[in-house]
């Protein structure tokens, strides 16, 4: 879409330099529609970014806590009892 917008801007400049305002207006409408679409995507990404740090920090804390538990926790091994019980 960025390449398309670049092409539209080039066409708009060409038509403006030739004084063809009708054609220029058509390309400006298409460019405007594309820019509104890109702005909408940017806004939705910005809203997602505001949510992600809290989730990300929670996940990082959880993973860090699990890692600390894994490092400090050792599974006890059962040693065979070689002592004989006398009754």
PDB file of N, CA and C in Angstrom:
ATOM      1  N   UNK A   1       0.826  -1.190   0.000  1.00  0.00           N
ATOM      2  CA  UNK A   1       0.000   0.000   0.000  1.00  0.00           C
ATOM      3  C   UNK A   1       0.873   1.258   0.000  1.00  0.00           C
ATOM      4  N   UNK A   2       2.027   1.172   0.621  1.00  0.00           N
ATOM      5  CA  UNK A   2       2.911   2.341   0.614  1.00  0.00           C
ATOM      6  C   UNK A   2       3.396   2.657  -0.797  1.00  0.00           C
ATOM      7  N   UNK A   3       3.663   1.619  -1.567  1.00  0.00           N
ATOM      8  CA  UNK A   3       4.064   1.847  -2.963  1.00  0.00           C
ATOM      9  C   UNK A   3       2.916   2.456  -3.753  1.00  0.00           C
ATOM     10  N   UNK A   4       1.709   1.973  -3.497  1.00  0.00           N
ATOM     11  CA  UNK A   4       0.529   2.534  -4.171  1.00  0.00           C
ATOM     12  C   UNK A   4       0.367   4.003  -3.807  1.00  0.00           C
ATOM     13  N   UNK A   5       0.536   4.326  -2.528  1.00  0.00           N
ATOM     14  CA  UNK A   5       0.415   5.723  -2.102  1.00  0.00           C
ATOM     15  C   UNK A   5       1.495   6.590  -2.743  1.00  0.00           C
ATOM     16  N   UNK A   6       2.688   6.050  -2.853  1.00  0.00           N
ATOM     17  CA  UNK A   6       3.764   6.787  -3.523  1.00  0.00           C
ATOM     18  C   UNK A   6       3.383   7.069  -4.973  1.00  0.00           C
ATOM     19  N   UNK A   7       2.850   6.076  -5.637  1.00  0.00           N
ATOM     20  CA  UNK A   7       2.419   6.243  -7.034  1.00  0.00           C
ATOM     21  C   UNK A   7       1.292   7.281  -7.132  1.00  0.00           C
ATOM     22  N   UNK A   8       0.337   7.211  -6.189  1.00  0.00           N
ATOM     23  CA  UNK A   8      -0.761   8.181  -6.197  1.00  0.00           C
ATOM     24  C   UNK A   8      -0.240   9.604  -6.014  1.00  0.00           C
ATOM     25  N   UNK A   9       0.697   9.793  -5.129  1.00  0.00           N
ATOM     26  CA  UNK A   9       1.273  11.123  -4.910  1.00  0.00           C
ATOM     27  C   UNK A   9       1.976  11.625  -6.164  1.00  0.00           C
ATOM     28  N   UNK A  10       2.690  10.729  -6.840  1.00  0.00           N
ATOM     29  CA  UNK A  10       3.357  11.117  -8.089  1.00  0.00           C
ATOM     30  C   UNK A  10       2.328  11.545  -9.138  1.00  0.00           C
ATOM     31  N   UNK A  11       1.245  10.782  -9.241  1.00  0.00           N
ATOM     32  CA  UNK A  11       0.186  11.123 -10.208  1.00  0.00           C
ATOM     33  C   UNK A  11      -0.462  12.464  -9.862  1.00  0.00           C
ATOM     34  N   UNK A  12      -0.728  12.670  -8.567  1.00  0.00           N
ATOM     35  CA  UNK A  12      -1.323  13.928  -8.125  1.00  0.00           C
ATOM     36  C   UNK A  12      -0.415  15.096  -8.494  1.00  0.00           C
ATOM     37  N   UNK A  13       0.880  14.953  -8.249  1.00  0.00           N
ATOM     38  CA  UNK A  13       1.816  16.023  -8.591  1.00  0.00           C
ATOM     39  C   UNK A  13       1.849  16.273 -10.097  1.00  0.00           C
ATOM     40  N   UNK A  14       1.812  15.181 -10.876  1.00  0.00           N
ATOM     41  CA  UNK A  14       1.817  15.338 -12.341  1.00  0.00           C
ATOM     42  C   UNK A  14       0.576  16.073 -12.812  1.00  0.00           C
ATOM     43  N   UNK A  15      -0.587  15.655 -12.310  1.00  0.00           N
ATOM     44  CA  UNK A  15      -1.834  16.290 -12.739  1.00  0.00           C
ATOM     45  C   UNK A  15      -1.910  17.736 -12.251  1.00  0.00           C
ATOM     46  N   UNK A  16      -1.386  18.018 -11.063  1.00  0.00           N
ATOM     47  CA  UNK A  16      -1.376  19.399 -10.583  1.00  0.00           C
ATOM     48  C   UNK A  16      -0.512  20.277 -11.475  1.00  0.00           C
ATOM     49  N   UNK A  17       0.634  19.737 -11.876  1.00  0.00           N
ATOM     50  CA  UNK A  17       1.528  20.539 -12.729  1.00  0.00           C
ATOM     51  C   UNK A  17       0.925  20.784 -14.104  1.00  0.00           C
ATOM     52  N   UNK A  18       0.023  19.897 -14.557  1.00  0.00           N
ATOM     53  CA  UNK A  18      -0.637  20.046 -15.857  1.00  0.00           C
ATOM     54  C   UNK A  18      -1.958  20.793 -15.751  1.00  0.00           C
ATOM     55  N   UNK A  19      -2.368  21.115 -14.497  1.00  0.00           N
ATOM     56  CA  UNK A  19      -3.616  21.853 -14.303  1.00  0.00           C
ATOM     57  C   UNK A  19      -4.853  20.990 -14.434  1.00  0.00           C
ATOM     58  N   UNK A  20      -4.734  19.678 -14.340  1.00  0.00           N
ATOM     59  CA  UNK A  20      -5.880  18.774 -14.475  1.00  0.00           C
ATOM     60  C   UNK A  20      -6.441  18.482 -13.070  1.00  0.00           C
ATOM     61  N   UNK A  21      -7.319  19.390 -12.615  1.00  0.00           N
ATOM     62  CA  UNK A  21      -7.809  19.301 -11.240  1.00  0.00           C
ATOM     63  C   UNK A  21      -8.781  18.141 -11.029  1.00  0.00           C
ATOM     64  N   UNK A  22      -9.574  17.783 -12.043  1.00  0.00           N
ATOM     65  CA  UNK A  22     -10.544  16.689 -11.882  1.00  0.00           C
ATOM     66  C   UNK A  22      -9.821  15.366 -11.626  1.00  0.00           C
ATOM     67  N   UNK A  23      -8.807  15.082 -12.452  1.00  0.00           N
ATOM     68  CA  UNK A  23      -8.032  13.862 -12.278  1.00  0.00           C
ATOM     69  C   UNK A  23      -7.282  13.881 -10.942  1.00  0.00           C
ATOM     70  N   UNK A  24      -6.769  15.047 -10.586  1.00  0.00           N
ATOM     71  CA  UNK A  24      -6.042  15.215  -9.339  1.00  0.00           C
ATOM     72  C   UNK A  24      -6.960  14.896  -8.156  1.00  0.00           C
ATOM     73  N   UNK A  25      -8.192  15.363  -8.201  1.00  0.00           N
ATOM     74  CA  UNK A  25      -9.143  15.135  -7.109  1.00  0.00           C
ATOM     75  C   UNK A  25      -9.461  13.643  -6.963  1.00  0.00           C
ATOM     76  N   UNK A  26      -9.561  12.924  -8.076  1.00  0.00           N
ATOM     77  CA  UNK A  26      -9.829  11.482  -8.014  1.00  0.00           C
ATOM     78  C   UNK A  26      -8.706  10.749  -7.279  1.00  0.00           C
ATOM     79  N   UNK A  27      -7.483  11.084  -7.641  1.00  0.00           N
ATOM     80  CA  UNK A  27      -6.340  10.429  -6.991  1.00  0.00           C
ATOM     81  C   UNK A  27      -6.211  10.847  -5.523  1.00  0.00           C
ATOM     82  N   UNK A  28      -6.581  12.096  -5.231  1.00  0.00           N
ATOM     83  CA  UNK A  28      -6.536  12.553  -3.841  1.00  0.00           C
ATOM     84  C   UNK A  28      -7.548  11.785  -2.982  1.00  0.00           C
ATOM     85  N   UNK A  29      -8.709  11.472  -3.541  1.00  0.00           N
ATOM     86  CA  UNK A  29      -9.716  10.701  -2.803  1.00  0.00           C
ATOM     87  C   UNK A  29      -9.209   9.289  -2.498  1.00  0.00           C
ATOM     88  N   UNK A  30      -8.566   8.674  -3.480  1.00  0.00           N
ATOM     89  CA  UNK A  30      -8.017   7.323  -3.270  1.00  0.00           C
ATOM     90  C   UNK A  30      -6.911   7.364  -2.222  1.00  0.00           C
ATOM     91  N   UNK A  31      -6.031   8.366  -2.332  1.00  0.00           N
ATOM     92  CA  UNK A  31      -4.953   8.516  -1.360  1.00  0.00           C
ATOM     93  C   UNK A  31      -5.514   8.744   0.040  1.00  0.00           C
ATOM     94  N   UNK A  32      -6.547   9.572   0.141  1.00  0.00           N
ATOM     95  CA  UNK A  32      -7.181   9.841   1.430  1.00  0.00           C
ATOM     96  C   UNK A  32      -7.745   8.553   2.029  1.00  0.00           C
ATOM     97  N   UNK A  33      -8.426   7.756   1.228  1.00  0.00           N
ATOM     98  CA  UNK A  33      -8.984   6.484   1.706  1.00  0.00           C
ATOM     99  C   UNK A  33      -7.869   5.569   2.227  1.00  0.00           C
ATOM    100  N   UNK A  34      -6.769   5.470   1.488  1.00  0.00           N
ATOM    101  CA  UNK A  34      -5.643   4.641   1.913  1.00  0.00           C
ATOM    102  C   UNK A  34      -5.029   5.144   3.221  1.00  0.00           C
ATOM    103  N   UNK A  35      -4.890   6.468   3.338  1.00  0.00           N
ATOM    104  CA  UNK A  35      -4.293   7.033   4.547  1.00  0.00           C
ATOM    105  C   UNK A  35      -5.195   6.822   5.767  1.00  0.00           C
ATOM    106  N   UNK A  36      -6.503   6.933   5.582  1.00  0.00           N
ATOM    107  CA  UNK A  36      -7.434   6.677   6.682  1.00  0.00           C
ATOM    108  C   UNK A  36      -7.333   5.213   7.101  1.00  0.00           C
ATOM    109  N   UNK A  37      -7.236   4.320   6.133  1.00  0.00           N
ATOM    110  CA  UNK A  37      -7.093   2.891   6.439  1.00  0.00           C
ATOM    111  C   UNK A  37      -5.812   2.628   7.241  1.00  0.00           C
ATOM    112  N   UNK A  38      -4.704   3.214   6.793  1.00  0.00           N
ATOM    113  CA  UNK A  38      -3.435   3.021   7.511  1.00  0.00           C
ATOM    114  C   UNK A  38      -3.489   3.633   8.914  1.00  0.00           C
ATOM    115  N   UNK A  39      -4.138   4.775   9.056  1.00  0.00           N
ATOM    116  CA  UNK A  39      -4.271   5.396  10.373  1.00  0.00           C
ATOM    117  C   UNK A  39      -5.107   4.517  11.302  1.00  0.00           C
ATOM    118  N   UNK A  40      -6.135   3.879  10.766  1.00  0.00           N
ATOM    119  CA  UNK A  40      -6.975   2.985  11.565  1.00  0.00           C
ATOM    120  C   UNK A  40      -6.158   1.803  12.065  1.00  0.00           C
ATOM    121  N   UNK A  41      -5.335   1.248  11.200  1.00  0.00           N
ATOM    122  CA  UNK A  41      -4.468   0.132  11.596  1.00  0.00           C
ATOM    123  C   UNK A  41      -3.484   0.597  12.669  1.00  0.00           C
ATOM    124  N   UNK A  42      -2.896   1.768  12.479  1.00  0.00           N
ATOM    125  CA  UNK A  42      -1.933   2.289  13.460  1.00  0.00           C
ATOM    126  C   UNK A  42      -2.606   2.512  14.805  1.00  0.00           C
ATOM    127  N   UNK A  43      -3.839   3.029  14.800  1.00  0.00           N
ATOM    128  CA  UNK A  43      -4.562   3.243  16.057  1.00  0.00           C
ATOM    129  C   UNK A  43      -4.854   1.929  16.756  1.00  0.00           C
ATOM    130  N   UNK A  44      -5.273   0.924  15.997  1.00  0.00           N
ATOM    131  CA  UNK A  44      -5.579  -0.368  16.624  1.00  0.00           C
ATOM    132  C   UNK A  44      -4.310  -1.018  17.169  1.00  0.00           C
ATOM    133  N   UNK A  45      -3.196  -0.855  16.475  1.00  0.00           N
ATOM    134  CA  UNK A  45      -1.920  -1.372  16.990  1.00  0.00           C
ATOM    135  C   UNK A  45      -1.503  -0.635  18.249  1.00  0.00           C
ATOM    136  N   UNK A  46      -1.740   0.671  18.289  1.00  0.00           N
ATOM    137  CA  UNK A  46      -1.398   1.455  19.471  1.00  0.00           C
ATOM    138  C   UNK A  46      -2.231   0.989  20.660  1.00  0.00           C
ATOM    139  N   UNK A  47      -3.513   0.707  20.430  1.00  0.00           N
ATOM    140  CA  UNK A  47      -4.374   0.219  21.506  1.00  0.00           C
ATOM    141  C   UNK A  47      -3.901  -1.146  21.992  1.00  0.00           C
ATOM    142  N   UNK A  48      -3.464  -1.999  21.094  1.00  0.00           N
ATOM    143  CA  UNK A  48      -2.958  -3.309  21.485  1.00  0.00           C
ATOM    144  C   UNK A  48      -1.671  -3.165  22.281  1.00  0.00           C
ATOM    145  N   UNK A  49      -0.824  -2.233  21.901  1.00  0.00           N
ATOM    146  CA  UNK A  49       0.440  -2.028  22.615  1.00  0.00           C
ATOM    147  C   UNK A  49       0.182  -1.580  24.043  1.00  0.00           C
ATOM    148  N   UNK A  50      -0.892  -0.819  24.260  1.00  0.00           N
ATOM    149  CA  UNK A  50      -1.176  -0.374  25.621  1.00  0.00           C
ATOM    150  C   UNK A  50      -1.623  -1.539  26.491  1.00  0.00           C
ATOM    151  N   UNK A  51      -2.156  -2.589  25.895  1.00  0.00           N
ATOM    152  CA  UNK A  51      -2.567  -3.766  26.659  1.00  0.00           C
ATOM    153  C   UNK A  51      -1.428  -4.749  26.868  1.00  0.00           C
ATOM    154  N   UNK A  52      -0.529  -4.850  25.924  1.00  0.00           N
ATOM    155  CA  UNK A  52       0.509  -5.877  25.957  1.00  0.00           C
ATOM    156  C   UNK A  52       1.499  -5.758  27.110  1.00  0.00           C
ATOM    157  N   UNK A  53       1.972  -4.576  27.484  1.00  0.00           N
ATOM    158  CA  UNK A  53       2.972  -4.563  28.548  1.00  0.00           C
ATOM    159  C   UNK A  53       2.487  -5.207  29.843  1.00  0.00           C
ATOM    160  N   UNK A  54       1.242  -4.992  30.246  1.00  0.00           N
ATOM    161  CA  UNK A  54       0.745  -5.590  31.480  1.00  0.00           C
ATOM    162  C   UNK A  54       0.727  -7.104  31.363  1.00  0.00           C
ATOM    163  N   UNK A  55       0.256  -7.600  30.250  1.00  0.00           N
ATOM    164  CA  UNK A  55       0.231  -9.047  30.041  1.00  0.00           C
ATOM    165  C   UNK A  55       1.652  -9.572  29.965  1.00  0.00           C
ATOM    166  N   UNK A  56       2.487  -8.874  29.258  1.00  0.00           N
ATOM    167  CA  UNK A  56       3.859  -9.316  29.081  1.00  0.00           C
ATOM    168  C   UNK A  56       4.601  -9.360  30.409  1.00  0.00           C
ATOM    169  N   UNK A  57       4.414  -8.345  31.243  1.00  0.00           N
ATOM    170  CA  UNK A  57       5.091  -8.329  32.532  1.00  0.00           C
ATOM    171  C   UNK A  57       4.589  -9.458  33.424  1.00  0.00           C
ATOM    172  N   UNK A  58       3.296  -9.724  33.362  1.00  0.00           N
ATOM    173  CA  UNK A  58       2.748 -10.822  34.159  1.00  0.00           C
ATOM    174  C   UNK A  58       3.329 -12.152  33.721  1.00  0.00           C
ATOM    175  N   UNK A  59       3.403 -12.342  32.437  1.00  0.00           N
ATOM    176  CA  UNK A  59       3.955 -13.593  31.913  1.00  0.00           C
ATOM    177  C   UNK A  59       5.430 -13.700  32.267  1.00  0.00           C
ATOM    178  N   UNK A  60       6.161 -12.593  32.122  1.00  0.00           N
ATOM    179  CA  UNK A  60       7.590 -12.632  32.451  1.00  0.00           C
ATOM    180  C   UNK A  60       7.785 -12.925  33.938  1.00  0.00           C
ATOM    181  N   UNK A  61       6.941 -12.336  34.808  1.00  0.00           N
ATOM    182  CA  UNK A  61       7.046 -12.595  36.239  1.00  0.00           C
ATOM    183  C   UNK A  61       6.776 -14.063  36.509  1.00  0.00           C
ATOM    184  N   UNK A  62       5.718 -14.594  35.886  1.00  0.00           N
ATOM    185  CA  UNK A  62       5.359 -15.984  36.102  1.00  0.00           C
ATOM    186  C   UNK A  62       6.484 -16.912  35.649  1.00  0.00           C
ATOM    187  N   UNK A  63       7.014 -16.643  34.468  1.00  0.00           N
ATOM    188  CA  UNK A  63       8.090 -17.491  33.961  1.00  0.00           C
ATOM    189  C   UNK A  63       9.334 -17.363  34.829  1.00  0.00           C
ATOM    190  N   UNK A  64       9.623 -16.182  35.299  1.00  0.00           N
ATOM    191  CA  UNK A  64      10.771 -15.993  36.178  1.00  0.00           C
ATOM    192  C   UNK A  64      10.580 -16.715  37.491  1.00  0.00           C
ATOM    193  N   UNK A  65       9.360 -16.662  38.029  1.00  0.00           N
ATOM    194  CA  UNK A  65       9.073 -17.355  39.289  1.00  0.00           C
ATOM    195  C   UNK A  65       9.189 -18.860  39.104  1.00  0.00           C
ATOM    196  N   UNK A  66       8.682 -19.360  37.988  1.00  0.00           N
ATOM    197  CA  UNK A  66       8.788 -20.799  37.719  1.00  0.00           C
ATOM    198  C   UNK A  66      10.242 -21.209  37.570  1.00  0.00           C
ATOM    199  N   UNK A  67      11.017 -20.380  36.924  1.00  0.00           N
ATOM    200  CA  UNK A  67      12.430 -20.693  36.727  1.00  0.00           C
ATOM    201  C   UNK A  67      13.153 -20.750  38.084  1.00  0.00           C
ATOM    202  N   UNK A  68      12.846 -19.800  38.982  1.00  0.00           N
ATOM    203  CA  UNK A  68      13.479 -19.805  40.301  1.00  0.00           C
ATOM    204  C   UNK A  68      13.071 -21.052  41.083  1.00  0.00           C
ATOM    205  N   UNK A  69      11.795 -21.442  40.972  1.00  0.00           N
ATOM    206  CA  UNK A  69      11.343 -22.640  41.678  1.00  0.00           C
ATOM    207  C   UNK A  69      12.046 -23.864  41.120  1.00  0.00           C
ATOM    208  N   UNK A  70      12.163 -23.939  39.806  1.00  0.00           N
ATOM    209  CA  UNK A  70      12.834 -25.089  39.179  1.00  0.00           C
ATOM    210  C   UNK A  70      14.285 -25.187  39.639  1.00  0.00           C
ATOM    211  N   UNK A  71      14.946 -24.062  39.774  1.00  0.00           N
ATOM    212  CA  UNK A  71      16.352 -24.083  40.155  1.00  0.00           C
ATOM    213  C   UNK A  71      16.538 -24.445  41.630  1.00  0.00           C
ATOM    214  N   UNK A  72      15.591 -24.066  42.479  1.00  0.00           N
ATOM    215  CA  UNK A  72      15.771 -24.307  43.902  1.00  0.00           C
ATOM    216  C   UNK A  72      15.139 -25.616  44.355  1.00  0.00           C
ATOM    217  N   UNK A  73      14.326 -26.181  43.513  1.00  0.00           N
ATOM    218  CA  UNK A  73      13.620 -27.395  43.918  1.00  0.00           C
ATOM    219  C   UNK A  73      14.338 -28.603  43.348  1.00  0.00           C
ATOM    220  N   UNK A  74      14.675 -29.533  44.201  1.00  0.00           N
ATOM    221  CA  UNK A  74      15.271 -30.765  43.713  1.00  0.00           C
ATOM    222  C   UNK A  74      14.375 -31.919  44.147  1.00  0.00           C
ATOM    223  N   UNK A  75      14.197 -32.825  43.259  1.00  0.00           N
ATOM    224  CA  UNK A  75      13.350 -33.971  43.537  1.00  0.00           C
ATOM    225  C   UNK A  75      14.118 -34.924  44.430  1.00  0.00           C
ATOM    226  N   UNK A  76      13.566 -35.273  45.586  1.00  0.00           N
ATOM    227  CA  UNK A  76      14.282 -36.203  46.461  1.00  0.00           C
ATOM    228  C   UNK A  76      14.341 -37.581  45.832  1.00  0.00           C
ATOM    229  N   UNK A  77      15.458 -38.197  45.977  1.00  0.00           N
ATOM    230  CA  UNK A  77      15.602 -39.552  45.454  1.00  0.00           C
ATOM    231  C   UNK A  77      15.516 -40.525  46.617  1.00  0.00           C
ATOM    232  N   UNK A  78      14.896 -41.614  46.362  1.00  0.00           N
ATOM    233  CA  UNK A  78      14.765 -42.638  47.391  1.00  0.00           C
ATOM    234  C   UNK A  78      16.018 -43.494  47.408  1.00  0.00           C
ATOM    235  N   UNK A  79      16.589 -43.605  48.564  1.00  0.00           N
ATOM    236  CA  UNK A  79      17.774 -44.437  48.725  1.00  0.00           C
ATOM    237  C   UNK A  79      17.317 -45.788  49.298  1.00  0.00           C
ATOM    238  N   UNK A  80      17.841 -46.849  48.761  1.00  0.00           N
ATOM    239  CA  UNK A  80      17.446 -48.148  49.301  1.00  0.00           C
ATOM    240  C   UNK A  80      17.914 -48.273  50.750  1.00  0.00           C
ATOM    241  N   UNK A  81      17.079 -48.879  51.543  1.00  0.00           N
ATOM    242  CA  UNK A  81      17.380 -49.065  52.954  1.00  0.00           C
ATOM    243  C   UNK A  81      18.095 -50.398  53.101  1.00  0.00           C
ATOM    244  N   UNK A  82      19.395 -50.345  53.400  1.00  0.00           N
ATOM    245  CA  UNK A  82      20.188 -51.556  53.522  1.00  0.00           C
ATOM    246  C   UNK A  82      20.174 -52.111  54.942  1.00  0.00           C
ATOM    247  N   UNK A  83      19.593 -51.374  55.849  1.00  0.00           N
ATOM    248  CA  UNK A  83      19.541 -51.856  57.211  1.00  0.00           C
ATOM    249  C   UNK A  83      18.424 -52.889  57.334  1.00  0.00           C
ATOM    250  N   UNK A  84      18.682 -53.915  57.988  1.00  0.00           N
ATOM    251  CA  UNK A  84      17.650 -54.960  58.158  1.00  0.00           C
ATOM    252  C   UNK A  84      16.958 -54.721  59.468  1.00  0.00           C
ATOM    253  N   UNK A  85      15.691 -54.870  59.440  1.00  0.00           N
ATOM    254  CA  UNK A  85      14.905 -54.669  60.640  1.00  0.00           C
ATOM    255  C   UNK A  85      14.836 -55.983  61.408  1.00  0.00           C
ATOM    256  N   UNK A  86      15.088 -55.917  62.656  1.00  0.00           N
ATOM    257  CA  UNK A  86      14.981 -57.117  63.498  1.00  0.00           C
ATOM    258  C   UNK A  86      13.760 -57.011  64.375  1.00  0.00           C
ATOM    259  N   UNK A  87      12.981 -58.030  64.398  1.00  0.00           N
ATOM    260  CA  UNK A  87      11.795 -58.055  65.238  1.00  0.00           C
ATOM    261  C   UNK A  87      11.882 -59.072  66.312  1.00  0.00           C
TER     262      UNK A  87
END
